[in-house]
Amino acid sequence: MTEKAISPLRRRLIEDMTIRRLDPKTQQQYVRHVKKFADFVGRSAEKATPEDVRRYQVWLASIGTTVGTVNAGASAL
């Protein structure tokens, strides 16, 4: 079986979450949030600015995302 290629940023995120002893399901959710954010800004989350994060949070609120989801996304970022 071949291992799927993982970007350096994703590998670092997973390592950091492992160090913090986050549950595997929480890790999956964090990776999902970061991917959704990167899709929103149209580039790697690593290259995002604080203003990008703010715009993303405003967008999440504008589409009716729950406070819990917005907070989880902010924690992931």
PDB file of N, CA and C in Angstrom:
ATOM      1  N   MET A   1       0.851  -1.177   0.000  1.00  0.00           N
ATOM      2  CA  MET A   1       0.000   0.000   0.000  1.00  0.00           C
ATOM      3  C   MET A   1       0.895   1.237   0.000  1.00  0.00           C
ATOM      4  N   THR A   2       0.584   2.207  -0.849  1.00  0.00           N
ATOM      5  CA  THR A   2       1.370   3.429  -0.904  1.00  0.00           C
ATOM      6  C   THR A   2       0.763   4.468   0.020  1.00  0.00           C
ATOM      7  N   GLU A   3       1.637   5.257   0.594  1.00  0.00           N
ATOM      8  CA  GLU A   3       1.180   6.305   1.500  1.00  0.00           C
ATOM      9  C   GLU A   3       0.806   7.545   0.697  1.00  0.00           C
ATOM     10  N   LYS A   4      -0.364   8.114   0.991  1.00  0.00           N
ATOM     11  CA  LYS A   4      -0.813   9.321   0.305  1.00  0.00           C
ATOM     12  C   LYS A   4       0.125  10.479   0.651  1.00  0.00           C
ATOM     13  N   ALA A   5       0.470  11.275  -0.357  1.00  0.00           N
ATOM     14  CA  ALA A   5       1.355  12.420  -0.128  1.00  0.00           C
ATOM     15  C   ALA A   5       0.677  13.424   0.803  1.00  0.00           C
ATOM     16  N   ILE A   6       1.427  13.895   1.784  1.00  0.00           N
ATOM     17  CA  ILE A   6       0.908  14.858   2.752  1.00  0.00           C
ATOM     18  C   ILE A   6       1.777  16.109   2.674  1.00  0.00           C
ATOM     19  N   SER A   7       1.136  17.257   2.578  1.00  0.00           N
ATOM     20  CA  SER A   7       1.885  18.516   2.507  1.00  0.00           C
ATOM     21  C   SER A   7       2.623  18.745   3.828  1.00  0.00           C
ATOM     22  N   PRO A   8       3.706  19.494   3.782  1.00  0.00           N
ATOM     23  CA  PRO A   8       4.437  19.800   5.017  1.00  0.00           C
ATOM     24  C   PRO A   8       3.552  20.498   6.065  1.00  0.00           C
ATOM     25  N   LEU A   9       2.659  21.380   5.607  1.00  0.00           N
ATOM     26  CA  LEU A   9       1.773  22.071   6.539  1.00  0.00           C
ATOM     27  C   LEU A   9       0.821  21.094   7.234  1.00  0.00           C
ATOM     28  N   ARG A  10       0.234  20.185   6.457  1.00  0.00           N
ATOM     29  CA  ARG A  10      -0.684  19.205   7.048  1.00  0.00           C
ATOM     30  C   ARG A  10       0.061  18.294   8.013  1.00  0.00           C
ATOM     31  N   ARG A  11       1.261  17.868   7.627  1.00  0.00           N
ATOM     32  CA  ARG A  11       2.065  17.009   8.509  1.00  0.00           C
ATOM     33  C   ARG A  11       2.355  17.738   9.822  1.00  0.00           C
ATOM     34  N   ARG A  12       2.717  19.014   9.740  1.00  0.00           N
ATOM     35  CA  ARG A  12       3.003  19.801  10.941  1.00  0.00           C
ATOM     36  C   ARG A  12       1.749  19.938  11.804  1.00  0.00           C
ATOM     37  N   LEU A  13       0.607  20.200  11.177  1.00  0.00           N
ATOM     38  CA  LEU A  13      -0.651  20.312  11.912  1.00  0.00           C
ATOM     39  C   LEU A  13      -0.959  19.014  12.653  1.00  0.00           C
ATOM     40  N   ILE A  14      -0.802  17.891  11.976  1.00  0.00           N
ATOM     41  CA  ILE A  14      -1.087  16.589  12.598  1.00  0.00           C
ATOM     42  C   ILE A  14      -0.107  16.323  13.745  1.00  0.00           C
ATOM     43  N   GLU A  15       1.171  16.645  13.536  1.00  0.00           N
ATOM     44  CA  GLU A  15       2.155  16.463  14.612  1.00  0.00           C
ATOM     45  C   GLU A  15       1.808  17.326  15.818  1.00  0.00           C
ATOM     46  N   ASP A  16       1.457  18.572  15.576  1.00  0.00           N
ATOM     47  CA  ASP A  16       1.104  19.475  16.681  1.00  0.00           C
ATOM     48  C   ASP A  16      -0.121  18.974  17.437  1.00  0.00           C
ATOM     49  N   MET A  17      -1.100  18.465  16.715  1.00  0.00           N
ATOM     50  CA  MET A  17      -2.308  17.961  17.375  1.00  0.00           C
ATOM     51  C   MET A  17      -2.008  16.686  18.158  1.00  0.00           C
ATOM     52  N   THR A  18      -1.084  15.873  17.652  1.00  0.00           N
ATOM     53  CA  THR A  18      -0.685  14.657  18.357  1.00  0.00           C
ATOM     54  C   THR A  18       0.029  15.010  19.654  1.00  0.00           C
ATOM     55  N   ILE A  19       0.900  16.006  19.593  1.00  0.00           N
ATOM     56  CA  ILE A  19       1.600  16.465  20.800  1.00  0.00           C
ATOM     57  C   ILE A  19       0.593  16.936  21.844  1.00  0.00           C
ATOM     58  N   ARG A  20      -0.464  17.610  21.390  1.00  0.00           N
ATOM     59  CA  ARG A  20      -1.499  18.116  22.307  1.00  0.00           C
ATOM     60  C   ARG A  20      -2.466  17.018  22.738  1.00  0.00           C
ATOM     61  N   ARG A  21      -2.261  15.807  22.201  1.00  0.00           N
ATOM     62  CA  ARG A  21      -3.075  14.624  22.531  1.00  0.00           C
ATOM     63  C   ARG A  21      -4.555  14.808  22.181  1.00  0.00           C
ATOM     64  N   LEU A  22      -4.797  15.463  21.034  1.00  0.00           N
ATOM     65  CA  LEU A  22      -6.174  15.602  20.582  1.00  0.00           C
ATOM     66  C   LEU A  22      -6.667  14.261  20.056  1.00  0.00           C
ATOM     67  N   ASP A  23      -7.916  13.986  20.293  1.00  0.00           N
ATOM     68  CA  ASP A  23      -8.557  12.769  19.819  1.00  0.00           C
ATOM     69  C   ASP A  23      -8.471  12.699  18.291  1.00  0.00           C
ATOM     70  N   PRO A  24      -8.316  11.511  17.724  1.00  0.00           N
ATOM     71  CA  PRO A  24      -8.255  11.383  16.261  1.00  0.00           C
ATOM     72  C   PRO A  24      -9.445  12.016  15.533  1.00  0.00           C
ATOM     73  N   LYS A  25     -10.631  11.934  16.108  1.00  0.00           N
ATOM     74  CA  LYS A  25     -11.796  12.564  15.469  1.00  0.00           C
ATOM     75  C   LYS A  25     -11.670  14.083  15.484  1.00  0.00           C
ATOM     76  N   THR A  26     -11.141  14.630  16.568  1.00  0.00           N
ATOM     77  CA  THR A  26     -10.912  16.073  16.636  1.00  0.00           C
ATOM     78  C   THR A  26      -9.879  16.473  15.599  1.00  0.00           C
ATOM     79  N   GLN A  27      -8.840  15.659  15.444  1.00  0.00           N
ATOM     80  CA  GLN A  27      -7.814  15.933  14.443  1.00  0.00           C
ATOM     81  C   GLN A  27      -8.423  15.960  13.044  1.00  0.00           C
ATOM     82  N   GLN A  28      -9.293  15.019  12.749  1.00  0.00           N
ATOM     83  CA  GLN A  28      -9.951  14.989  11.435  1.00  0.00           C
ATOM     84  C   GLN A  28     -10.764  16.260  11.213  1.00  0.00           C
ATOM     85  N   GLN A  29     -11.468  16.705  12.250  1.00  0.00           N
ATOM     86  CA  GLN A  29     -12.282  17.911  12.127  1.00  0.00           C
ATOM     87  C   GLN A  29     -11.402  19.141  11.917  1.00  0.00           C
ATOM     88  N   TYR A  30     -10.296  19.221  12.630  1.00  0.00           N
ATOM     89  CA  TYR A  30      -9.389  20.359  12.468  1.00  0.00           C
ATOM     90  C   TYR A  30      -8.825  20.400  11.054  1.00  0.00           C
ATOM     91  N   VAL A  31      -8.404  19.255  10.534  1.00  0.00           N
ATOM     92  CA  VAL A  31      -7.875  19.201   9.166  1.00  0.00           C
ATOM     93  C   VAL A  31      -8.959  19.637   8.180  1.00  0.00           C
ATOM     94  N   ARG A  32     -10.195  19.200   8.425  1.00  0.00           N
ATOM     95  CA  ARG A  32     -11.309  19.595   7.552  1.00  0.00           C
ATOM     96  C   ARG A  32     -11.525  21.108   7.589  1.00  0.00           C
ATOM     97  N   HIS A  33     -11.468  21.688   8.781  1.00  0.00           N
ATOM     98  CA  HIS A  33     -11.642  23.142   8.913  1.00  0.00           C
ATOM     99  C   HIS A  33     -10.535  23.900   8.178  1.00  0.00           C
ATOM    100  N   VAL A  34      -9.307  23.450   8.317  1.00  0.00           N
ATOM    101  CA  VAL A  34      -8.191  24.134   7.664  1.00  0.00           C
ATOM    102  C   VAL A  34      -8.318  24.026   6.151  1.00  0.00           C
ATOM    103  N   LYS A  35      -8.739  22.859   5.655  1.00  0.00           N
ATOM    104  CA  LYS A  35      -8.930  22.686   4.213  1.00  0.00           C
ATOM    105  C   LYS A  35     -10.034  23.617   3.699  1.00  0.00           C
ATOM    106  N   LYS A  36     -11.134  23.690   4.443  1.00  0.00           N
ATOM    107  CA  LYS A  36     -12.239  24.561   4.039  1.00  0.00           C
ATOM    108  C   LYS A  36     -11.784  26.026   4.011  1.00  0.00           C
ATOM    109  N   PHE A  37     -10.977  26.417   4.996  1.00  0.00           N
ATOM    110  CA  PHE A  37     -10.446  27.776   5.027  1.00  0.00           C
ATOM    111  C   PHE A  37      -9.533  28.029   3.833  1.00  0.00           C
ATOM    112  N   ALA A  38      -8.638  27.091   3.540  1.00  0.00           N
ATOM    113  CA  ALA A  38      -7.722  27.244   2.396  1.00  0.00           C
ATOM    114  C   ALA A  38      -8.505  27.351   1.096  1.00  0.00           C
ATOM    115  N   ASP A  39      -9.566  26.576   0.972  1.00  0.00           N
ATOM    116  CA  ASP A  39     -10.417  26.679  -0.218  1.00  0.00           C
ATOM    117  C   ASP A  39     -11.044  28.074  -0.302  1.00  0.00           C
ATOM    118  N   PHE A  40     -11.452  28.610   0.839  1.00  0.00           N
ATOM    119  CA  PHE A  40     -12.070  29.932   0.878  1.00  0.00           C
ATOM    120  C   PHE A  40     -11.097  31.015   0.418  1.00  0.00           C
ATOM    121  N   VAL A  41      -9.866  30.984   0.935  1.00  0.00           N
ATOM    122  CA  VAL A  41      -8.910  32.037   0.583  1.00  0.00           C
ATOM    123  C   VAL A  41      -8.224  31.783  -0.759  1.00  0.00           C
ATOM    124  N   GLY A  42      -8.334  30.563  -1.258  1.00  0.00           N
ATOM    125  CA  GLY A  42      -7.777  30.262  -2.576  1.00  0.00           C
ATOM    126  C   GLY A  42      -6.279  30.036  -2.603  1.00  0.00           C
ATOM    127  N   ARG A  43      -5.717  29.746  -1.446  1.00  0.00           N
ATOM    128  CA  ARG A  43      -4.288  29.442  -1.369  1.00  0.00           C
ATOM    129  C   ARG A  43      -4.041  28.677  -0.070  1.00  0.00           C
ATOM    130  N   SER A  44      -2.801  28.297   0.139  1.00  0.00           N
ATOM    131  CA  SER A  44      -2.441  27.558   1.340  1.00  0.00           C
ATOM    132  C   SER A  44      -2.790  28.364   2.591  1.00  0.00           C
ATOM    133  N   ALA A  45      -3.283  27.674   3.597  1.00  0.00           N
ATOM    134  CA  ALA A  45      -3.582  28.337   4.869  1.00  0.00           C
ATOM    135  C   ALA A  45      -2.314  28.935   5.470  1.00  0.00           C
ATOM    136  N   GLU A  46      -1.177  28.374   5.115  1.00  0.00           N
ATOM    137  CA  GLU A  46       0.108  28.862   5.616  1.00  0.00           C
ATOM    138  C   GLU A  46       0.385  30.290   5.152  1.00  0.00           C
ATOM    139  N   LYS A  47      -0.182  30.668   4.004  1.00  0.00           N
ATOM    140  CA  LYS A  47       0.058  31.993   3.438  1.00  0.00           C
ATOM    141  C   LYS A  47      -1.067  32.977   3.748  1.00  0.00           C
ATOM    142  N   ALA A  48      -2.006  32.567   4.568  1.00  0.00           N
ATOM    143  CA  ALA A  48      -3.138  33.428   4.902  1.00  0.00           C
ATOM    144  C   ALA A  48      -2.718  34.534   5.858  1.00  0.00           C
ATOM    145  N   THR A  49      -3.437  35.631   5.771  1.00  0.00           N
ATOM    146  CA  THR A  49      -3.183  36.773   6.649  1.00  0.00           C
ATOM    147  C   THR A  49      -4.246  36.812   7.746  1.00  0.00           C
ATOM    148  N   PRO A  50      -4.001  37.591   8.798  1.00  0.00           N
ATOM    149  CA  PRO A  50      -5.044  37.758   9.812  1.00  0.00           C
ATOM    150  C   PRO A  50      -6.352  38.288   9.208  1.00  0.00           C
ATOM    151  N   GLU A  51      -6.245  39.139   8.201  1.00  0.00           N
ATOM    152  CA  GLU A  51      -7.453  39.658   7.543  1.00  0.00           C
ATOM    153  C   GLU A  51      -8.206  38.535   6.832  1.00  0.00           C
ATOM    154  N   ASP A  52      -7.488  37.559   6.259  1.00  0.00           N
ATOM    155  CA  ASP A  52      -8.143  36.400   5.630  1.00  0.00           C
ATOM    156  C   ASP A  52      -8.955  35.624   6.660  1.00  0.00           C
ATOM    157  N   VAL A  53      -8.376  35.443   7.843  1.00  0.00           N
ATOM    158  CA  VAL A  53      -9.079  34.716   8.910  1.00  0.00           C
ATOM    159  C   VAL A  53     -10.333  35.477   9.302  1.00  0.00           C
ATOM    160  N   ARG A  54     -10.226  36.778   9.439  1.00  0.00           N
ATOM    161  CA  ARG A  54     -11.382  37.599   9.801  1.00  0.00           C
ATOM    162  C   ARG A  54     -12.470  37.515   8.732  1.00  0.00           C
ATOM    163  N   ARG A  55     -12.080  37.641   7.454  1.00  0.00           N
ATOM    164  CA  ARG A  55     -13.061  37.546   6.365  1.00  0.00           C
ATOM    165  C   ARG A  55     -13.754  36.187   6.378  1.00  0.00           C
ATOM    166  N   TYR A  56     -13.003  35.136   6.666  1.00  0.00           N
ATOM    167  CA  TYR A  56     -13.567  33.789   6.720  1.00  0.00           C
ATOM    168  C   TYR A  56     -14.590  33.683   7.851  1.00  0.00           C
ATOM    169  N   GLN A  57     -14.250  34.242   9.007  1.00  0.00           N
ATOM    170  CA  GLN A  57     -15.181  34.194  10.131  1.00  0.00           C
ATOM    171  C   GLN A  57     -16.450  35.000   9.834  1.00  0.00           C
ATOM    172  N   VAL A  58     -16.305  36.150   9.192  1.00  0.00           N
ATOM    173  CA  VAL A  58     -17.473  36.948   8.801  1.00  0.00           C
ATOM    174  C   VAL A  58     -18.319  36.160   7.814  1.00  0.00           C
ATOM    175  N   TRP A  59     -17.671  35.498   6.858  1.00  0.00           N
ATOM    176  CA  TRP A  59     -18.408  34.706   5.874  1.00  0.00           C
ATOM    177  C   TRP A  59     -19.153  33.561   6.556  1.00  0.00           C
ATOM    178  N   LEU A  60     -18.487  32.873   7.477  1.00  0.00           N
ATOM    179  CA  LEU A  60     -19.157  31.778   8.193  1.00  0.00           C
ATOM    180  C   LEU A  60     -20.401  32.287   8.918  1.00  0.00           C
ATOM    181  N   ALA A  61     -20.277  33.434   9.572  1.00  0.00           N
ATOM    182  CA  ALA A  61     -21.421  34.013  10.284  1.00  0.00           C
ATOM    183  C   ALA A  61     -22.527  34.392   9.310  1.00  0.00           C
ATOM    184  N   SER A  62     -22.159  34.898   8.134  1.00  0.00           N
ATOM    185  CA  SER A  62     -23.160  35.352   7.162  1.00  0.00           C
ATOM    186  C   SER A  62     -23.962  34.206   6.560  1.00  0.00           C
ATOM    187  N   ILE A  63     -23.396  33.010   6.556  1.00  0.00           N
ATOM    188  CA  ILE A  63     -24.133  31.868   5.996  1.00  0.00           C
ATOM    189  C   ILE A  63     -24.870  31.080   7.076  1.00  0.00           C
ATOM    190  N   GLY A  64     -24.843  31.624   8.307  1.00  0.00           N
ATOM    191  CA  GLY A  64     -25.616  31.014   9.385  1.00  0.00           C
ATOM    192  C   GLY A  64     -24.923  29.871  10.097  1.00  0.00           C
ATOM    193  N   THR A  65     -23.606  29.825  10.016  1.00  0.00           N
ATOM    194  CA  THR A  65     -22.858  28.775  10.708  1.00  0.00           C
ATOM    195  C   THR A  65     -23.025  28.945  12.212  1.00  0.00           C
ATOM    196  N   THR A  66     -23.123  27.843  12.921  1.00  0.00           N
ATOM    197  CA  THR A  66     -23.306  27.921  14.366  1.00  0.00           C
ATOM    198  C   THR A  66     -22.058  28.476  15.039  1.00  0.00           C
ATOM    199  N   VAL A  67     -22.249  29.037  16.211  1.00  0.00           N
ATOM    200  CA  VAL A  67     -21.140  29.600  16.975  1.00  0.00           C
ATOM    201  C   VAL A  67     -20.115  28.515  17.278  1.00  0.00           C
ATOM    202  N   GLY A  68     -20.560  27.330  17.610  1.00  0.00           N
ATOM    203  CA  GLY A  68     -19.643  26.231  17.899  1.00  0.00           C
ATOM    204  C   GLY A  68     -18.751  25.892  16.732  1.00  0.00           C
ATOM    205  N   THR A  69     -19.326  25.893  15.528  1.00  0.00           N
ATOM    206  CA  THR A  69     -18.548  25.588  14.327  1.00  0.00           C
ATOM    207  C   THR A  69     -17.548  26.698  14.044  1.00  0.00           C
ATOM    208  N   VAL A  70     -17.968  27.943  14.203  1.00  0.00           N
ATOM    209  CA  VAL A  70     -17.050  29.074  13.994  1.00  0.00           C
ATOM    210  C   VAL A  70     -15.898  28.982  14.989  1.00  0.00           C
ATOM    211  N   ASN A  71     -16.203  28.679  16.242  1.00  0.00           N
ATOM    212  CA  ASN A  71     -15.159  28.564  17.258  1.00  0.00           C
ATOM    213  C   ASN A  71     -14.221  27.401  16.973  1.00  0.00           C
ATOM    214  N   ALA A  72     -14.766  26.269  16.546  1.00  0.00           N
ATOM    215  CA  ALA A  72     -13.922  25.112  16.214  1.00  0.00           C
ATOM    216  C   ALA A  72     -13.007  25.445  15.046  1.00  0.00           C
ATOM    217  N   GLY A  73     -13.543  26.160  14.059  1.00  0.00           N
ATOM    218  CA  GLY A  73     -12.728  26.574  12.919  1.00  0.00           C
ATOM    219  C   GLY A  73     -11.623  27.508  13.342  1.00  0.00           C
ATOM    220  N   ALA A  74     -11.939  28.453  14.233  1.00  0.00           N
ATOM    221  CA  ALA A  74     -10.921  29.383  14.721  1.00  0.00           C
ATOM    222  C   ALA A  74      -9.848  28.648  15.508  1.00  0.00           C
ATOM    223  N   SER A  75     -10.249  27.660  16.280  1.00  0.00           N
ATOM    224  CA  SER A  75      -9.266  26.869  17.030  1.00  0.00           C
ATOM    225  C   SER A  75      -8.351  26.102  16.106  1.00  0.00           C
ATOM    226  N   ALA A  76      -8.908  25.591  15.038  1.00  0.00           N
ATOM    227  CA  ALA A  76      -8.109  24.832  14.066  1.00  0.00           C
ATOM    228  C   ALA A  76      -7.106  25.724  13.372  1.00  0.00           C
ATOM    229  N   LEU A  77      -7.513  26.953  13.096  1.00  0.00           N
ATOM    230  CA  LEU A  77      -6.609  27.873  12.394  1.00  0.00           C
ATOM    231  C   LEU A  77      -5.582  28.437  13.334  1.00  0.00           C
TER     232      LEU A  77
END
